[in-house]
PDB file of all heavy atoms in Angstrom:
ATOM      1  N   ASP A   1       2.692  -0.105 -26.953  1.00  0.00           N
ATOM      2  CA  ASP A   1       3.307  -1.389 -26.646  1.00  0.00           C
ATOM      3  C   ASP A   1       2.538  -2.042 -25.500  1.00  0.00           C
ATOM      4  O   ASP A   1       1.486  -1.560 -25.092  1.00  0.00           O
ATOM      5  CB  ASP A   1       4.773  -1.187 -26.277  1.00  0.00           C
ATOM      6  CG  ASP A   1       5.585  -0.677 -27.453  1.00  0.00           C
ATOM      7  OD1 ASP A   1       5.201  -0.977 -28.600  1.00  0.00           O
ATOM      8  OD2 ASP A   1       6.584   0.035 -27.229  1.00  0.00           O
ATOM      9  N   CYS A   2       3.084  -3.132 -24.976  1.00  0.00           N
ATOM     10  CA  CYS A   2       2.428  -3.822 -23.869  1.00  0.00           C
ATOM     11  C   CYS A   2       2.234  -2.849 -22.703  1.00  0.00           C
ATOM     12  O   CYS A   2       3.183  -2.244 -22.219  1.00  0.00           O
ATOM     13  CB  CYS A   2       3.267  -5.013 -23.426  1.00  0.00           C
ATOM     14  SG  CYS A   2       2.395  -6.129 -22.308  1.00  0.00           S
ATOM     15  N   THR A   3       0.977  -2.693 -22.286  1.00  0.00           N
ATOM     16  CA  THR A   3       0.611  -1.646 -21.321  1.00  0.00           C
ATOM     17  C   THR A   3      -0.115  -2.279 -20.137  1.00  0.00           C
ATOM     18  O   THR A   3      -0.942  -3.183 -20.311  1.00  0.00           O
ATOM     19  CB  THR A   3      -0.291  -0.595 -21.990  1.00  0.00           C
ATOM     20  OG1 THR A   3       0.398  -0.042 -23.114  1.00  0.00           O
ATOM     21  CG2 THR A   3      -0.655   0.505 -21.017  1.00  0.00           C
ATOM     22  N   TYR A   4       0.198  -1.759 -18.951  1.00  0.00           N
ATOM     23  CA  TYR A   4      -0.407  -2.267 -17.721  1.00  0.00           C
ATOM     24  C   TYR A   4      -1.124  -1.121 -17.011  1.00  0.00           C
ATOM     25  O   TYR A   4      -0.647   0.019 -16.994  1.00  0.00           O
ATOM     26  CB  TYR A   4       0.650  -2.885 -16.810  1.00  0.00           C
ATOM     27  CG  TYR A   4       1.470  -3.943 -17.514  1.00  0.00           C
ATOM     28  CD1 TYR A   4       2.718  -3.629 -18.056  1.00  0.00           C
ATOM     29  CD2 TYR A   4       0.998  -5.242 -17.652  1.00  0.00           C
ATOM     30  CE1 TYR A   4       3.461  -4.587 -18.715  1.00  0.00           C
ATOM     31  CE2 TYR A   4       1.744  -6.211 -18.308  1.00  0.00           C
ATOM     32  CZ  TYR A   4       2.976  -5.873 -18.840  1.00  0.00           C
ATOM     33  OH  TYR A   4       3.704  -6.834 -19.503  1.00  0.00           O
ATOM     34  N   LEU A   5      -2.273  -1.440 -16.409  1.00  0.00           N
ATOM     35  CA  LEU A   5      -3.127  -0.444 -15.780  1.00  0.00           C
ATOM     36  C   LEU A   5      -3.457  -0.858 -14.358  1.00  0.00           C
ATOM     37  O   LEU A   5      -3.566  -2.050 -14.049  1.00  0.00           O
ATOM     38  CB  LEU A   5      -4.439  -0.280 -16.561  1.00  0.00           C
ATOM     39  CG  LEU A   5      -4.329   0.075 -18.052  1.00  0.00           C
ATOM     40  CD1 LEU A   5      -5.683  -0.052 -18.723  1.00  0.00           C
ATOM     41  CD2 LEU A   5      -3.768   1.469 -18.227  1.00  0.00           C
ATOM     42  N   CYS A   6      -3.631   0.135 -13.504  1.00  0.00           N
ATOM     43  CA  CYS A   6      -4.045  -0.117 -12.118  1.00  0.00           C
ATOM     44  C   CYS A   6      -4.853   1.082 -11.640  1.00  0.00           C
ATOM     45  O   CYS A   6      -4.484   2.235 -11.906  1.00  0.00           O
ATOM     46  CB  CYS A   6      -2.832  -0.337 -11.212  1.00  0.00           C
ATOM     47  SG  CYS A   6      -3.265  -0.601  -9.465  1.00  0.00           S
ATOM     48  N   GLU A   7      -5.958   0.813 -10.949  1.00  0.00           N
ATOM     49  CA  GLU A   7      -6.785   1.874 -10.376  1.00  0.00           C
ATOM     50  C   GLU A   7      -7.148   1.493  -8.950  1.00  0.00           C
ATOM     51  O   GLU A   7      -7.673   0.405  -8.711  1.00  0.00           O
ATOM     52  CB  GLU A   7      -8.045   2.110 -11.209  1.00  0.00           C
ATOM     53  CG  GLU A   7      -8.805   3.365 -10.800  1.00  0.00           C
ATOM     54  CD  GLU A   7      -9.883   3.734 -11.810  1.00  0.00           C
ATOM     55  OE1 GLU A   7     -10.561   2.814 -12.312  1.00  0.00           O
ATOM     56  OE2 GLU A   7     -10.058   4.931 -12.100  1.00  0.00           O
ATOM     57  N   ILE A   8      -6.849   2.392  -8.004  1.00  0.00           N
ATOM     58  CA  ILE A   8      -6.992   2.126  -6.583  1.00  0.00           C
ATOM     59  C   ILE A   8      -7.956   3.152  -5.977  1.00  0.00           C
ATOM     60  O   ILE A   8      -7.928   4.333  -6.318  1.00  0.00           O
ATOM     61  CB  ILE A   8      -5.629   2.211  -5.863  1.00  0.00           C
ATOM     62  CG1 ILE A   8      -4.640   1.222  -6.483  1.00  0.00           C
ATOM     63  CG2 ILE A   8      -5.775   1.947  -4.369  1.00  0.00           C
ATOM     64  CD1 ILE A   8      -5.026  -0.222  -6.322  1.00  0.00           C
ATOM     65  N   SER A   9      -8.793   2.695  -5.062  1.00  0.00           N
ATOM     66  CA  SER A   9      -9.679   3.599  -4.326  1.00  0.00           C
ATOM     67  C   SER A   9      -8.918   4.206  -3.151  1.00  0.00           C
ATOM     68  O   SER A   9      -8.424   3.477  -2.278  1.00  0.00           O
ATOM     69  CB  SER A   9     -10.915   2.847  -3.826  1.00  0.00           C
ATOM     70  OG  SER A   9     -11.679   3.663  -2.962  1.00  0.00           O
ATOM     71  N   LEU A  10      -8.815   5.540  -3.127  1.00  0.00           N
ATOM     72  CA  LEU A  10      -8.097   6.197  -2.026  1.00  0.00           C
ATOM     73  C   LEU A  10      -8.831   6.049  -0.705  1.00  0.00           C
ATOM     74  O   LEU A  10      -8.226   6.074   0.354  1.00  0.00           O
ATOM     75  CB  LEU A  10      -7.915   7.687  -2.334  1.00  0.00           C
ATOM     76  CG  LEU A  10      -6.789   8.078  -3.279  1.00  0.00           C
ATOM     77  CD1 LEU A  10      -6.594   9.578  -3.269  1.00  0.00           C
ATOM     78  CD2 LEU A  10      -5.488   7.401  -2.915  1.00  0.00           C
ATOM     79  N   ASP A  11     -10.162   5.924  -0.757  1.00  0.00           N
ATOM     80  CA  ASP A  11     -10.931   5.769   0.479  1.00  0.00           C
ATOM     81  C   ASP A  11     -10.575   4.474   1.194  1.00  0.00           C
ATOM     82  O   ASP A  11     -10.766   4.365   2.407  1.00  0.00           O
ATOM     83  CB  ASP A  11     -12.439   5.792   0.174  1.00  0.00           C
ATOM     84  CG  ASP A  11     -12.876   7.115  -0.427  1.00  0.00           C
ATOM     85  OD1 ASP A  11     -12.208   8.130  -0.141  1.00  0.00           O
ATOM     86  OD2 ASP A  11     -13.869   7.136  -1.172  1.00  0.00           O
ATOM     87  N   SER A  12     -10.082   3.490   0.438  1.00  0.00           N
ATOM     88  CA  SER A  12      -9.728   2.200   1.039  1.00  0.00           C
ATOM     89  C   SER A  12      -8.311   2.178   1.589  1.00  0.00           C
ATOM     90  O   SER A  12      -7.970   1.299   2.381  1.00  0.00           O
ATOM     91  CB  SER A  12      -9.883   1.079  -0.001  1.00  0.00           C
ATOM     92  OG  SER A  12     -11.190   1.028  -0.501  1.00  0.00           O
ATOM     93  N   LEU A  13      -7.484   3.117   1.165  1.00  0.00           N
ATOM     94  CA  LEU A  13      -6.109   3.172   1.673  1.00  0.00           C
ATOM     95  C   LEU A  13      -6.089   3.859   3.027  1.00  0.00           C
ATOM     96  O   LEU A  13      -6.775   4.852   3.249  1.00  0.00           O
ATOM     97  CB  LEU A  13      -5.205   3.929   0.704  1.00  0.00           C
ATOM     98  CG  LEU A  13      -4.974   3.289  -0.665  1.00  0.00           C
ATOM     99  CD1 LEU A  13      -4.103   4.187  -1.514  1.00  0.00           C
ATOM    100  CD2 LEU A  13      -4.332   1.925  -0.519  1.00  0.00           C
ATOM    101  N   LYS A  14      -5.326   3.357   3.911  1.00  0.00           N
ATOM    102  CA  LYS A  14      -5.217   3.923   5.253  1.00  0.00           C
ATOM    103  C   LYS A  14      -3.782   4.378   5.494  1.00  0.00           C
ATOM    104  O   LYS A  14      -2.828   3.700   5.116  1.00  0.00           O
ATOM    105  CB  LYS A  14      -5.615   2.887   6.325  1.00  0.00           C
ATOM    106  CG  LYS A  14      -7.040   2.371   6.186  1.00  0.00           C
ATOM    107  CD  LYS A  14      -8.069   3.482   6.374  1.00  0.00           C
ATOM    108  CE  LYS A  14      -9.483   2.932   6.285  1.00  0.00           C
ATOM    109  NZ  LYS A  14     -10.485   4.007   6.412  1.00  0.00           N
ATOM    110  N   LYS A  15      -3.677   5.545   6.123  1.00  0.00           N
ATOM    111  CA  LYS A  15      -2.352   6.057   6.477  1.00  0.00           C
ATOM    112  C   LYS A  15      -1.994   5.521   7.857  1.00  0.00           C
ATOM    113  O   LYS A  15      -2.214   6.160   8.873  1.00  0.00           O
ATOM    114  CB  LYS A  15      -2.350   7.583   6.470  1.00  0.00           C
ATOM    115  CG  LYS A  15      -0.980   8.186   6.687  1.00  0.00           C
ATOM    116  CD  LYS A  15      -1.020   9.695   6.663  1.00  0.00           C
ATOM    117  CE  LYS A  15       0.352  10.286   6.906  1.00  0.00           C
ATOM    118  NZ  LYS A  15       0.333  11.760   6.923  1.00  0.00           N
ATOM    119  N   ALA A  16      -1.464   4.307   7.870  1.00  0.00           N
ATOM    120  CA  ALA A  16      -1.136   3.655   9.131  1.00  0.00           C
ATOM    121  C   ALA A  16       0.246   4.097   9.617  1.00  0.00           C
ATOM    122  O   ALA A  16       1.166   4.322   8.823  1.00  0.00           O
ATOM    123  CB  ALA A  16      -1.169   2.134   8.960  1.00  0.00           C
ATOM    124  N   LEU A  17       0.353   4.222  10.914  1.00  0.00           N
ATOM    125  CA  LEU A  17       1.644   4.569  11.503  1.00  0.00           C
ATOM    126  C   LEU A  17       2.570   3.357  11.470  1.00  0.00           C
ATOM    127  O   LEU A  17       2.119   2.214  11.576  1.00  0.00           O
ATOM    128  CB  LEU A  17       1.453   5.040  12.948  1.00  0.00           C
ATOM    129  CG  LEU A  17       0.668   6.330  13.137  1.00  0.00           C
ATOM    130  CD1 LEU A  17       0.448   6.593  14.616  1.00  0.00           C
ATOM    131  CD2 LEU A  17       1.382   7.504  12.486  1.00  0.00           C
ATOM    132  N   PRO A  18       3.861   3.572  11.325  1.00  0.00           N
ATOM    133  CA  PRO A  18       4.796   2.442  11.330  1.00  0.00           C
ATOM    134  C   PRO A  18       4.742   1.698  12.661  1.00  0.00           C
ATOM    135  O   PRO A  18       4.613   2.304  13.726  1.00  0.00           O
ATOM    136  CB  PRO A  18       6.163   3.114  11.126  1.00  0.00           C
ATOM    137  CG  PRO A  18       5.863   4.453  10.549  1.00  0.00           C
ATOM    138  CD  PRO A  18       4.534   4.865  11.087  1.00  0.00           C
ATOM    139  N   LYS A  19       4.823   0.377  12.562  1.00  0.00           N
ATOM    140  CA  LYS A  19       4.800  -0.458  13.755  1.00  0.00           C
ATOM    141  C   LYS A  19       6.150  -1.164  13.906  1.00  0.00           C
ATOM    142  O   LYS A  19       6.666  -1.748  12.941  1.00  0.00           O
ATOM    143  CB  LYS A  19       3.676  -1.489  13.662  1.00  0.00           C
ATOM    144  CG  LYS A  19       2.280  -0.878  13.677  1.00  0.00           C
ATOM    145  CD  LYS A  19       1.210  -1.953  13.654  1.00  0.00           C
ATOM    146  CE  LYS A  19      -0.170  -1.348  13.696  1.00  0.00           C
ATOM    147  NZ  LYS A  19      -1.237  -2.391  13.660  1.00  0.00           N
ATOM    148  N   ALA A  20       6.682  -1.094  15.091  1.00  0.00           N
ATOM    149  CA  ALA A  20       7.960  -1.749  15.359  1.00  0.00           C
ATOM    150  C   ALA A  20       7.757  -3.259  15.505  1.00  0.00           C
ATOM    151  O   ALA A  20       6.755  -3.712  16.069  1.00  0.00           O
ATOM    152  CB  ALA A  20       8.590  -1.189  16.633  1.00  0.00           C
ATOM    153  N   LYS A  21       8.681  -4.013  14.947  1.00  0.00           N
ATOM    154  CA  LYS A  21       8.623  -5.472  15.048  1.00  0.00           C
ATOM    155  C   LYS A  21       9.844  -5.971  15.817  1.00  0.00           C
ATOM    156  O   LYS A  21      10.903  -5.369  15.772  1.00  0.00           O
ATOM    157  CB  LYS A  21       8.604  -6.095  13.644  1.00  0.00           C
ATOM    158  CG  LYS A  21       7.373  -5.746  12.839  1.00  0.00           C
ATOM    159  CD  LYS A  21       7.409  -6.444  11.485  1.00  0.00           C
ATOM    160  CE  LYS A  21       6.177  -6.123  10.661  1.00  0.00           C
ATOM    161  NZ  LYS A  21       6.214  -6.793   9.342  1.00  0.00           N
ATOM    162  N   THR A  22       9.617  -7.076  16.507  1.00  0.00           N
ATOM    163  CA  THR A  22      10.716  -7.668  17.257  1.00  0.00           C
ATOM    164  C   THR A  22      11.760  -8.209  16.284  1.00  0.00           C
ATOM    165  O   THR A  22      11.435  -8.690  15.190  1.00  0.00           O
ATOM    166  CB  THR A  22      10.202  -8.791  18.160  1.00  0.00           C
ATOM    167  OG1 THR A  22       9.546  -9.779  17.354  1.00  0.00           O
ATOM    168  CG2 THR A  22       9.230  -8.238  19.177  1.00  0.00           C
ATOM    169  N   TYR A  23      12.986  -8.129  16.694  1.00  0.00           N
ATOM    170  CA  TYR A  23      14.095  -8.595  15.863  1.00  0.00           C
ATOM    171  C   TYR A  23      14.851  -9.684  16.617  1.00  0.00           C
ATOM    172  O   TYR A  23      15.292  -9.480  17.746  1.00  0.00           O
ATOM    173  CB  TYR A  23      15.040  -7.439  15.519  1.00  0.00           C
ATOM    174  CG  TYR A  23      16.205  -7.842  14.673  1.00  0.00           C
ATOM    175  CD1 TYR A  23      16.070  -7.976  13.298  1.00  0.00           C
ATOM    176  CD2 TYR A  23      17.456  -8.116  15.252  1.00  0.00           C
ATOM    177  CE1 TYR A  23      17.146  -8.353  12.512  1.00  0.00           C
ATOM    178  CE2 TYR A  23      18.526  -8.496  14.471  1.00  0.00           C
ATOM    179  CZ  TYR A  23      18.362  -8.613  13.098  1.00  0.00           C
ATOM    180  OH  TYR A  23      19.429  -8.999  12.333  1.00  0.00           O
ATOM    181  N   SER A  24      14.954 -10.826  15.970  1.00  0.00           N
ATOM    182  CA  SER A  24      15.624 -11.957  16.600  1.00  0.00           C
ATOM    183  C   SER A  24      17.130 -11.877  16.362  1.00  0.00           C
ATOM    184  O   SER A  24      17.582 -11.541  15.263  1.00  0.00           O
ATOM    185  CB  SER A  24      15.080 -13.269  16.037  1.00  0.00           C
ATOM    186  OG  SER A  24      15.781 -14.356  16.599  1.00  0.00           O
TER     187      SER A  24
END
């Protein structure tokens, strides 16, 4: 049936630490 594909380079992904944002 209708099929969707995605391929991602792991070298481009970064394991960033969560950043706190100001809350209004």
